[in-house]
C-alpha atoms as a PDB file:
ATOM      1  CA  UNK A   1       6.782  -3.422  27.091  1.00  0.00           C
ATOM      2  CA  UNK A   2      10.326  -2.165  27.573  1.00  0.00           C
ATOM      3  CA  UNK A   3       9.811   1.602  27.682  1.00  0.00           C
ATOM      4  CA  UNK A   4      13.481   2.200  27.071  1.00  0.00           C
ATOM      5  CA  UNK A   5      13.320   0.783  23.648  1.00  0.00           C
ATOM      6  CA  UNK A   6      11.520   2.323  20.650  1.00  0.00           C
ATOM      7  CA  UNK A   7       9.434  -0.489  19.884  1.00  0.00           C
ATOM      8  CA  UNK A   8       7.210  -2.583  22.035  1.00  0.00           C
ATOM      9  CA  UNK A   9       5.968  -6.159  21.397  1.00  0.00           C
ATOM     10  CA  UNK A  10       2.462  -4.847  21.172  1.00  0.00           C
ATOM     11  CA  UNK A  11       3.693  -2.336  18.538  1.00  0.00           C
ATOM     12  CA  UNK A  12       5.329  -5.089  16.540  1.00  0.00           C
ATOM     13  CA  UNK A  13       1.968  -7.058  16.714  1.00  0.00           C
ATOM     14  CA  UNK A  14       0.006  -4.158  15.530  1.00  0.00           C
ATOM     15  CA  UNK A  15       2.480  -3.581  12.647  1.00  0.00           C
ATOM     16  CA  UNK A  16       2.609  -7.449  11.679  1.00  0.00           C
ATOM     17  CA  UNK A  17      -1.136  -7.645  11.644  1.00  0.00           C
ATOM     18  CA  UNK A  18      -1.638  -4.307   9.787  1.00  0.00           C
ATOM     19  CA  UNK A  19      -4.109  -3.119  12.632  1.00  0.00           C
ATOM     20  CA  UNK A  20      -1.808   0.078  12.912  1.00  0.00           C
ATOM     21  CA  UNK A  21      -3.565   1.177   9.837  1.00  0.00           C
ATOM     22  CA  UNK A  22      -6.991   1.215  11.583  1.00  0.00           C
ATOM     23  CA  UNK A  23      -6.933   5.073  12.417  1.00  0.00           C
ATOM     24  CA  UNK A  24      -6.658   5.773   8.498  1.00  0.00           C
ATOM     25  CA  UNK A  25     -10.197   4.309   8.124  1.00  0.00           C
ATOM     26  CA  UNK A  26     -11.348   7.546   9.797  1.00  0.00           C
ATOM     27  CA  UNK A  27      -9.730   9.354   7.050  1.00  0.00           C
ATOM     28  CA  UNK A  28     -11.442   7.330   4.618  1.00  0.00           C
ATOM     29  CA  UNK A  29     -14.855   8.083   6.142  1.00  0.00           C
ATOM     30  CA  UNK A  30     -14.015  11.658   6.145  1.00  0.00           C
ATOM     31  CA  UNK A  31     -13.191  11.655   2.360  1.00  0.00           C
ATOM     32  CA  UNK A  32      -9.643  12.513   3.014  1.00  0.00           C
ATOM     33  CA  UNK A  33      -8.350   9.125   1.639  1.00  0.00           C
ATOM     34  CA  UNK A  34      -9.565   6.178  -0.374  1.00  0.00           C
ATOM     35  CA  UNK A  35      -9.217   2.467   0.397  1.00  0.00           C
ATOM     36  CA  UNK A  36      -6.933   2.091  -2.571  1.00  0.00           C
ATOM     37  CA  UNK A  37      -4.418   4.573  -4.048  1.00  0.00           C
ATOM     38  CA  UNK A  38      -0.977   5.676  -3.739  1.00  0.00           C
ATOM     39  CA  UNK A  39       0.401   5.697  -0.127  1.00  0.00           C
ATOM     40  CA  UNK A  40       0.171   9.251   1.434  1.00  0.00           C
ATOM     41  CA  UNK A  41       3.486  11.078   1.728  1.00  0.00           C
ATOM     42  CA  UNK A  42       4.626  13.710   4.223  1.00  0.00           C
ATOM     43  CA  UNK A  43       6.202  16.936   2.830  1.00  0.00           C
ATOM     44  CA  UNK A  44       9.496  15.537   3.956  1.00  0.00           C
ATOM     45  CA  UNK A  45       9.100  12.276   2.083  1.00  0.00           C
ATOM     46  CA  UNK A  46       8.108  14.158  -1.138  1.00  0.00           C
ATOM     47  CA  UNK A  47      11.454  16.191  -1.028  1.00  0.00           C
ATOM     48  CA  UNK A  48      13.579  13.210   0.163  1.00  0.00           C
ATOM     49  CA  UNK A  49      12.136  10.920  -2.489  1.00  0.00           C
ATOM     50  CA  UNK A  50      12.198  13.440  -5.320  1.00  0.00           C
ATOM     51  CA  UNK A  51       8.323  13.549  -5.734  1.00  0.00           C
ATOM     52  CA  UNK A  52       8.337  17.254  -6.018  1.00  0.00           C
ATOM     53  CA  UNK A  53       8.608  17.734  -9.624  1.00  0.00           C
ATOM     54  CA  UNK A  54       5.770  18.315 -12.115  1.00  0.00           C
ATOM     55  CA  UNK A  55       6.266  14.812 -13.564  1.00  0.00           C
ATOM     56  CA  UNK A  56       4.813  13.433 -10.285  1.00  0.00           C
ATOM     57  CA  UNK A  57       1.616  15.764 -10.330  1.00  0.00           C
ATOM     58  CA  UNK A  58      -0.452  12.938 -11.593  1.00  0.00           C
ATOM     59  CA  UNK A  59       0.378  10.882  -8.347  1.00  0.00           C
ATOM     60  CA  UNK A  60      -1.017  13.686  -6.257  1.00  0.00           C
ATOM     61  CA  UNK A  61      -4.149  14.108  -8.557  1.00  0.00           C
ATOM     62  CA  UNK A  62      -5.965  11.326  -6.673  1.00  0.00           C
ATOM     63  CA  UNK A  63      -6.450  10.967  -2.726  1.00  0.00           C
ATOM     64  CA  UNK A  64      -4.015   8.689  -1.107  1.00  0.00           C
ATOM     65  CA  UNK A  65      -5.198   5.226  -0.141  1.00  0.00           C
ATOM     66  CA  UNK A  66      -4.656   2.970   2.794  1.00  0.00           C
ATOM     67  CA  UNK A  67      -3.379   0.230   0.401  1.00  0.00           C
ATOM     68  CA  UNK A  68      -2.293   0.193  -3.229  1.00  0.00           C
ATOM     69  CA  UNK A  69      -0.457  -1.756  -5.878  1.00  0.00           C
ATOM     70  CA  UNK A  70       2.987  -0.829  -4.471  1.00  0.00           C
ATOM     71  CA  UNK A  71       2.070  -2.084  -0.897  1.00  0.00           C
ATOM     72  CA  UNK A  72       0.550  -5.388  -2.366  1.00  0.00           C
ATOM     73  CA  UNK A  73       3.431  -6.317  -4.870  1.00  0.00           C
ATOM     74  CA  UNK A  74       6.317  -5.217  -2.416  1.00  0.00           C
ATOM     75  CA  UNK A  75       7.460  -1.941  -3.855  1.00  0.00           C
ATOM     76  CA  UNK A  76      10.396  -1.670  -1.496  1.00  0.00           C
ATOM     77  CA  UNK A  77      12.373   0.964  -3.318  1.00  0.00           C
ATOM     78  CA  UNK A  78      11.496   4.484  -4.478  1.00  0.00           C
ATOM     79  CA  UNK A  79      11.898   3.240  -8.014  1.00  0.00           C
ATOM     80  CA  UNK A  80       9.665   0.413  -7.743  1.00  0.00           C
ATOM     81  CA  UNK A  81       6.935   2.321  -5.845  1.00  0.00           C
ATOM     82  CA  UNK A  82       7.029   5.038  -8.516  1.00  0.00           C
ATOM     83  CA  UNK A  83       6.519   2.320 -11.057  1.00  0.00           C
ATOM     84  CA  UNK A  84       3.661   0.514  -9.214  1.00  0.00           C
ATOM     85  CA  UNK A  85       1.824   4.023  -8.482  1.00  0.00           C
ATOM     86  CA  UNK A  86       2.139   4.709 -12.224  1.00  0.00           C
ATOM     87  CA  UNK A  87       0.737   1.327 -13.231  1.00  0.00           C
ATOM     88  CA  UNK A  88      -2.086   1.713 -10.604  1.00  0.00           C
ATOM     89  CA  UNK A  89      -2.896   5.312 -11.979  1.00  0.00           C
ATOM     90  CA  UNK A  90      -3.091   4.187 -15.634  1.00  0.00           C
ATOM     91  CA  UNK A  91      -5.040   0.829 -14.768  1.00  0.00           C
ATOM     92  CA  UNK A  92      -7.481   2.174 -12.080  1.00  0.00           C
ATOM     93  CA  UNK A  93     -10.737   0.338 -11.983  1.00  0.00           C
ATOM     94  CA  UNK A  94     -13.253  -0.809  -9.369  1.00  0.00           C
ATOM     95  CA  UNK A  95     -12.238  -4.456 -10.110  1.00  0.00           C
ATOM     96  CA  UNK A  96      -8.534  -3.585  -9.559  1.00  0.00           C
ATOM     97  CA  UNK A  97      -9.562  -1.855  -6.169  1.00  0.00           C
ATOM     98  CA  UNK A  98     -11.383  -5.019  -5.121  1.00  0.00           C
ATOM     99  CA  UNK A  99      -8.607  -7.189  -5.872  1.00  0.00           C
ATOM    100  CA  UNK A 100      -6.089  -5.073  -3.906  1.00  0.00           C
ATOM    101  CA  UNK A 101      -8.346  -4.782  -0.985  1.00  0.00           C
ATOM    102  CA  UNK A 102      -8.790  -8.569  -1.075  1.00  0.00           C
ATOM    103  CA  UNK A 103      -4.873  -9.125  -1.405  1.00  0.00           C
ATOM    104  CA  UNK A 104      -4.293  -6.770   1.414  1.00  0.00           C
ATOM    105  CA  UNK A 105      -6.853  -8.628   3.682  1.00  0.00           C
ATOM    106  CA  UNK A 106      -5.182 -11.837   2.765  1.00  0.00           C
ATOM    107  CA  UNK A 107      -1.826 -10.433   3.768  1.00  0.00           C
ATOM    108  CA  UNK A 108      -3.012  -9.367   6.987  1.00  0.00           C
ATOM    109  CA  UNK A 109      -4.499 -12.957   7.483  1.00  0.00           C
ATOM    110  CA  UNK A 110      -1.512 -15.120   6.384  1.00  0.00           C
ATOM    111  CA  UNK A 111       1.273 -12.712   6.300  1.00  0.00           C
ATOM    112  CA  UNK A 112       2.776 -10.670   3.512  1.00  0.00           C
ATOM    113  CA  UNK A 113       5.253 -13.292   2.055  1.00  0.00           C
ATOM    114  CA  UNK A 114       2.877 -16.069   2.066  1.00  0.00           C
ATOM    115  CA  UNK A 115       0.205 -13.960   0.431  1.00  0.00           C
ATOM    116  CA  UNK A 116       2.597 -12.714  -2.102  1.00  0.00           C
ATOM    117  CA  UNK A 117       3.618 -16.116  -3.046  1.00  0.00           C
ATOM    118  CA  UNK A 118       0.035 -17.197  -3.507  1.00  0.00           C
ATOM    119  CA  UNK A 119      -0.646 -14.109  -5.763  1.00  0.00           C
ATOM    120  CA  UNK A 120       2.357 -15.081  -8.058  1.00  0.00           C
ATOM    121  CA  UNK A 121       0.960 -18.676  -8.287  1.00  0.00           C
ATOM    122  CA  UNK A 122      -2.386 -17.399  -9.222  1.00  0.00           C
ATOM    123  CA  UNK A 123      -1.048 -15.046 -11.682  1.00  0.00           C
ATOM    124  CA  UNK A 124       1.214 -17.717 -13.253  1.00  0.00           C
ATOM    125  CA  UNK A 125      -1.830 -20.031 -13.428  1.00  0.00           C
ATOM    126  CA  UNK A 126      -4.202 -17.359 -15.122  1.00  0.00           C
ATOM    127  CA  UNK A 127      -1.461 -16.637 -17.734  1.00  0.00           C
ATOM    128  CA  UNK A 128      -0.938 -20.348 -18.489  1.00  0.00           C
ATOM    129  CA  UNK A 129      -4.678 -20.846 -19.088  1.00  0.00           C
END
């Protein structure tokens, strides 16, 4: 690890495999988080992303999650994340949570892009049948 840089190769590996999220399992065990839900935001993120209005109260009515629809589907923009968070909150179910946990696990095994490609193929195949 080159201590003069901000990121070490071990940090990159932890991030790439998703193992950097392991500490959040303690929060799940304590009941502060769920396995699935909208990602937690810092107070700075809330202000910066414009989540501080009353129209976003529903997003904060459920505990944040380690993974969620926005993470699995690749919500890279604020607009996409808001949309996916809203979809998740309207369609919340145990089945959806299990599917999102499975998809997140697959992403850690085979990589995010490969897993998303597989998810799209499965979705197309189920729509066609």
